[in-house]
Amino acid sequence: MVPTRRHLLASTGTLGIASLAGCSAVDFVLGNDSLSFEAARAVVNEATLSESPYAESKQTSDTITRTFEAAGQSREVEVTNKIAEYDRGISILGQEYRWAMFTVLSTPKVEILGEAFNPVADMSTDELIALIQDRYDQIGNVERDSTRSVEVLGESVEVVRYRAEGRFTEADVRLDLTLHITEPVAVAEDFVVCFGVHPRQIDDTDEINQLLGGVEHTA
């Protein structure tokens, strides 16, 4: 089954569960304060959307609390990721469904006393896809298809396309899927990861590239 937009929010939110950003390392180590970090939002700009079949569906925040250790001290850390979601209508079996989706995740990064806490920085696209697949078994038989370079946030970024299988529960339809995911992009105090999914019967690669080129970070 292909995740709904709500499921995509939850799955992409897991990418940043160990991420942190911007507070007092001294207070953290000494135990004087808890830490709360929030990413700046990354979105597709309006000019790009005006020329795209995709439209904004929602912007949300995903806050997670985890315990981390630094210099022998354990502290609770609250992390807030920002997610922007976009979709477009797809006609399948005579019905239109908004099953082509594009998600932009902004997740905080941090170093405390020289120690990095966000695993996203070192994750490959295969590992990022595995996080989504492991959390939601509705996407199966994922295979790497091709690799390309696209400019995202001013950098040439590797984007990997995958072939997969899924099922849309609302219509009880099984479909072949195409997945697109970027390697993490470091910008300001965050990492940005973009993820797209659409039925394989359409080729939205150009549209996904267009959206990737229009991503902006608001910091």
Protein backbone atom coordinates (compact mmCIF):
# COMPACT_ATOMS: atom_id res chain seq x y z
CA MET A 1 0.00 0.00 0.00
CA VAL A 2 1.25 3.47 -0.82
CA PRO A 3 1.14 5.73 2.23
CA THR A 4 -1.35 8.55 2.27
CA ARG A 5 -0.07 12.09 2.75
CA ARG A 6 -0.49 11.59 6.48
CA HIS A 7 1.56 8.40 6.32
CA LEU A 8 4.23 10.11 4.26
CA LEU A 9 4.42 12.79 6.93
CA ALA A 10 4.98 10.16 9.57
CA SER A 11 7.48 8.19 7.54
CA THR A 12 9.56 11.15 6.47
CA GLY A 13 9.43 12.48 10.00
CA THR A 14 11.38 9.44 11.16
CA LEU A 15 14.38 10.61 9.13
CA GLY A 16 15.14 13.23 11.75
CA ILE A 17 14.42 11.44 15.02
CA ALA A 18 17.98 11.84 16.22
CA SER A 19 18.58 15.33 14.89
CA LEU A 20 19.30 18.43 16.94
CA ALA A 21 20.04 22.09 16.31
CA GLY A 22 21.22 25.27 17.97
CA CYS A 23 21.17 25.60 21.82
CA SER A 24 23.69 25.77 24.67
CA ALA A 25 26.10 22.83 24.70
CA VAL A 26 27.43 23.92 28.07
CA ASP A 27 23.99 23.82 29.70
CA PHE A 28 23.34 20.46 28.08
CA VAL A 29 26.53 18.88 29.38
CA LEU A 30 26.25 20.39 32.85
CA GLY A 31 22.65 19.30 33.17
CA ASN A 32 21.35 22.82 33.64
CA ASP A 33 18.84 22.76 30.83
CA SER A 34 16.99 20.55 28.38
CA LEU A 35 17.38 21.11 24.66
CA SER A 36 14.72 22.05 22.15
CA PHE A 37 15.61 22.40 18.48
CA GLU A 38 13.47 23.40 15.53
CA ALA A 39 14.29 23.27 11.83
CA ALA A 40 13.59 26.16 9.49
CA ARG A 41 11.03 25.27 6.86
CA ALA A 42 12.01 24.26 3.32
CA VAL A 43 9.35 24.72 0.62
CA VAL A 44 8.85 24.78 -3.12
CA ASN A 45 8.66 28.41 -4.21
CA GLU A 46 5.48 29.85 -5.69
CA ALA A 47 7.03 30.58 -9.10
CA THR A 48 7.86 26.88 -9.55
CA LEU A 49 4.44 25.74 -8.34
CA SER A 50 2.70 28.07 -10.78
CA GLU A 51 4.29 26.12 -13.65
CA SER A 52 3.85 22.67 -12.10
CA PRO A 53 0.91 20.23 -12.03
CA TYR A 54 1.68 19.78 -8.32
CA ALA A 55 0.00 21.95 -5.70
CA GLU A 56 0.67 22.41 -1.99
CA SER A 57 -1.42 20.09 0.14
CA LYS A 58 -0.14 21.02 3.60
CA GLN A 59 2.74 22.27 5.73
CA THR A 60 3.20 20.59 9.07
CA SER A 61 5.63 20.15 11.96
CA ASP A 62 6.65 16.87 13.55
CA THR A 63 8.01 17.10 17.11
CA ILE A 64 9.81 14.15 18.66
CA THR A 65 11.43 13.76 22.08
CA ARG A 66 14.48 11.54 22.47
CA THR A 67 17.21 11.00 25.07
CA PHE A 68 20.81 11.61 24.01
CA GLU A 69 24.18 11.42 25.72
CA ALA A 70 27.13 13.79 25.52
CA ALA A 71 30.22 13.87 27.74
CA GLY A 72 28.70 11.14 29.92
CA GLN A 73 25.49 13.11 30.55
CA SER A 74 21.99 12.07 29.41
CA ARG A 75 19.39 14.66 28.46
CA GLU A 76 15.98 14.74 26.90
CA VAL A 77 15.96 16.56 23.60
CA GLU A 78 12.92 17.87 21.75
CA VAL A 79 13.36 17.97 17.98
CA THR A 80 10.95 19.63 15.55
CA ASN A 81 11.12 18.72 11.89
CA LYS A 82 9.29 20.74 9.23
CA ILE A 83 7.48 19.00 6.38
CA ALA A 84 5.99 20.55 3.24
CA GLU A 85 3.80 18.29 1.08
CA TYR A 86 2.62 18.64 -2.51
CA ASP A 87 0.45 16.43 -4.72
CA ARG A 88 -1.28 16.18 -8.07
CA GLY A 89 -4.29 14.35 -9.45
CA ILE A 90 -3.79 11.08 -11.33
CA SER A 91 -6.56 9.42 -13.35
CA ILE A 92 -6.71 5.68 -12.68
CA LEU A 93 -9.54 3.41 -13.81
CA GLY A 94 -11.68 6.41 -14.64
CA GLN A 95 -11.25 8.03 -11.22
CA GLU A 96 -8.95 10.88 -10.21
CA TYR A 97 -6.78 10.33 -7.15
CA ARG A 98 -4.12 12.58 -5.69
CA TRP A 99 -1.59 9.79 -5.56
CA ALA A 100 1.45 11.56 -6.97
CA MET A 101 3.21 13.20 -4.02
CA PHE A 102 6.32 15.26 -3.31
CA THR A 103 7.58 15.89 0.22
CA VAL A 104 10.29 18.25 1.49
CA LEU A 105 11.69 17.47 4.94
CA SER A 106 13.82 19.95 6.87
CA THR A 107 15.46 18.38 9.93
CA PRO A 108 17.82 20.13 12.37
CA LYS A 109 21.53 19.40 12.62
CA VAL A 110 23.88 20.03 15.54
CA GLU A 111 27.28 19.33 17.02
CA ILE A 112 27.65 19.34 20.80
CA LEU A 113 31.26 19.51 21.93
CA GLY A 114 32.28 18.34 18.49
CA GLU A 115 29.91 15.35 18.45
CA ALA A 116 27.27 15.17 15.71
CA PHE A 117 23.86 13.76 16.58
CA ASN A 118 21.94 13.75 13.29
CA PRO A 119 22.39 10.45 11.43
CA VAL A 120 20.82 11.90 8.28
CA ALA A 121 24.13 13.56 7.41
CA ASP A 122 25.79 10.23 6.62
CA MET A 123 22.80 8.32 5.23
CA SER A 124 22.77 7.14 1.63
CA THR A 125 19.60 7.28 -0.44
CA ASP A 126 19.31 3.49 -0.05
CA GLU A 127 19.28 3.92 3.74
CA LEU A 128 16.74 6.75 3.56
CA ILE A 129 14.42 4.67 1.37
CA ALA A 130 14.86 1.72 3.74
CA LEU A 131 13.66 3.87 6.65
CA ILE A 132 10.43 4.57 4.82
CA GLN A 133 10.03 0.99 3.65
CA ASP A 134 10.79 -0.50 7.09
CA ARG A 135 8.23 1.74 8.78
CA TYR A 136 5.51 1.13 6.21
CA ASP A 137 5.46 -2.29 4.56
CA GLN A 138 2.86 -1.05 2.05
CA ILE A 139 5.78 -0.26 -0.26
CA GLY A 140 7.59 -3.40 -1.35
CA ASN A 141 10.08 -4.84 -3.81
CA VAL A 142 12.11 -1.63 -3.93
CA GLU A 143 14.91 -1.71 -6.50
CA ARG A 144 17.35 1.00 -7.51
CA ASP A 145 16.62 2.13 -11.04
CA SER A 146 18.81 5.08 -12.01
CA THR A 147 20.81 8.02 -10.67
CA ARG A 148 20.90 11.63 -11.81
CA SER A 149 22.21 14.98 -10.62
CA VAL A 150 19.82 17.87 -10.00
CA GLU A 151 20.53 21.30 -8.59
CA VAL A 152 18.85 21.62 -5.20
CA LEU A 153 19.38 24.65 -2.95
CA GLY A 154 22.30 25.77 -5.09
CA GLU A 155 24.12 22.43 -5.00
CA SER A 156 24.41 19.57 -7.47
CA VAL A 157 22.66 16.77 -5.58
CA GLU A 158 22.39 13.06 -6.31
CA VAL A 159 18.80 11.96 -6.87
CA VAL A 160 18.11 8.24 -7.05
CA ARG A 161 15.06 6.77 -8.75
CA TYR A 162 13.68 3.46 -7.49
CA ARG A 163 11.14 1.00 -8.80
CA ALA A 164 8.69 -0.39 -6.26
CA GLU A 165 5.28 -1.96 -5.79
CA GLY A 166 2.42 -0.64 -3.70
CA ARG A 167 -1.29 -0.71 -3.05
CA PHE A 168 -3.73 2.15 -2.65
CA THR A 169 -6.19 1.01 0.01
CA GLU A 170 -8.87 3.60 -0.73
CA ALA A 171 -9.38 2.07 -4.18
CA ASP A 172 -7.92 -1.38 -3.48
CA VAL A 173 -5.60 -0.94 -6.45
CA ARG A 174 -2.13 -2.44 -6.79
CA LEU A 175 0.29 -0.38 -8.81
CA ASP A 176 3.90 -0.26 -9.86
CA LEU A 177 5.53 2.84 -8.40
CA THR A 178 8.43 5.16 -9.08
CA LEU A 179 10.20 6.68 -6.07
CA HIS A 180 12.65 9.59 -6.15
CA ILE A 181 14.79 10.61 -3.17
CA THR A 182 17.67 13.03 -2.75
CA GLU A 183 20.78 12.65 -0.73
CA PRO A 184 20.71 14.99 2.32
CA VAL A 185 21.52 18.62 1.55
CA ALA A 186 23.16 20.67 4.31
CA VAL A 187 21.81 24.23 4.43
CA ALA A 188 22.21 26.68 7.31
CA GLU A 189 21.49 24.71 10.53
CA ASP A 190 19.44 21.96 8.86
CA PHE A 191 19.48 19.03 6.49
CA VAL A 192 16.91 18.92 3.70
CA VAL A 193 15.71 15.68 2.10
CA CYS A 194 13.18 15.54 -0.76
CA PHE A 195 11.06 12.50 -1.62
CA GLY A 196 8.63 11.89 -4.49
CA VAL A 197 6.34 8.99 -5.38
CA HIS A 198 3.99 8.42 -8.31
CA PRO A 199 2.45 5.52 -10.23
CA ARG A 200 4.86 4.18 -12.83
CA GLN A 201 2.24 4.44 -15.56
CA ILE A 202 3.13 8.13 -15.70
CA ASP A 203 6.63 9.55 -15.89
CA ASP A 204 6.87 12.55 -13.59
CA THR A 205 10.68 12.66 -13.55
CA ASP A 206 10.76 16.05 -15.27
CA GLU A 207 8.09 17.39 -12.91
CA ILE A 208 10.01 16.10 -9.87
CA ASN A 209 13.20 17.73 -11.19
CA GLN A 210 11.30 20.99 -11.58
CA LEU A 211 10.08 20.83 -7.98
CA LEU A 212 13.58 19.99 -6.73
CA GLY A 213 14.98 23.04 -8.49
CA GLY A 214 12.37 25.23 -6.83
CA VAL A 215 13.06 24.18 -3.22
CA GLU A 216 13.94 27.08 -0.94
CA HIS A 217 15.10 27.08 2.68
CA THR A 218 13.57 29.85 4.79
CA ALA A 219 16.41 30.38 7.25
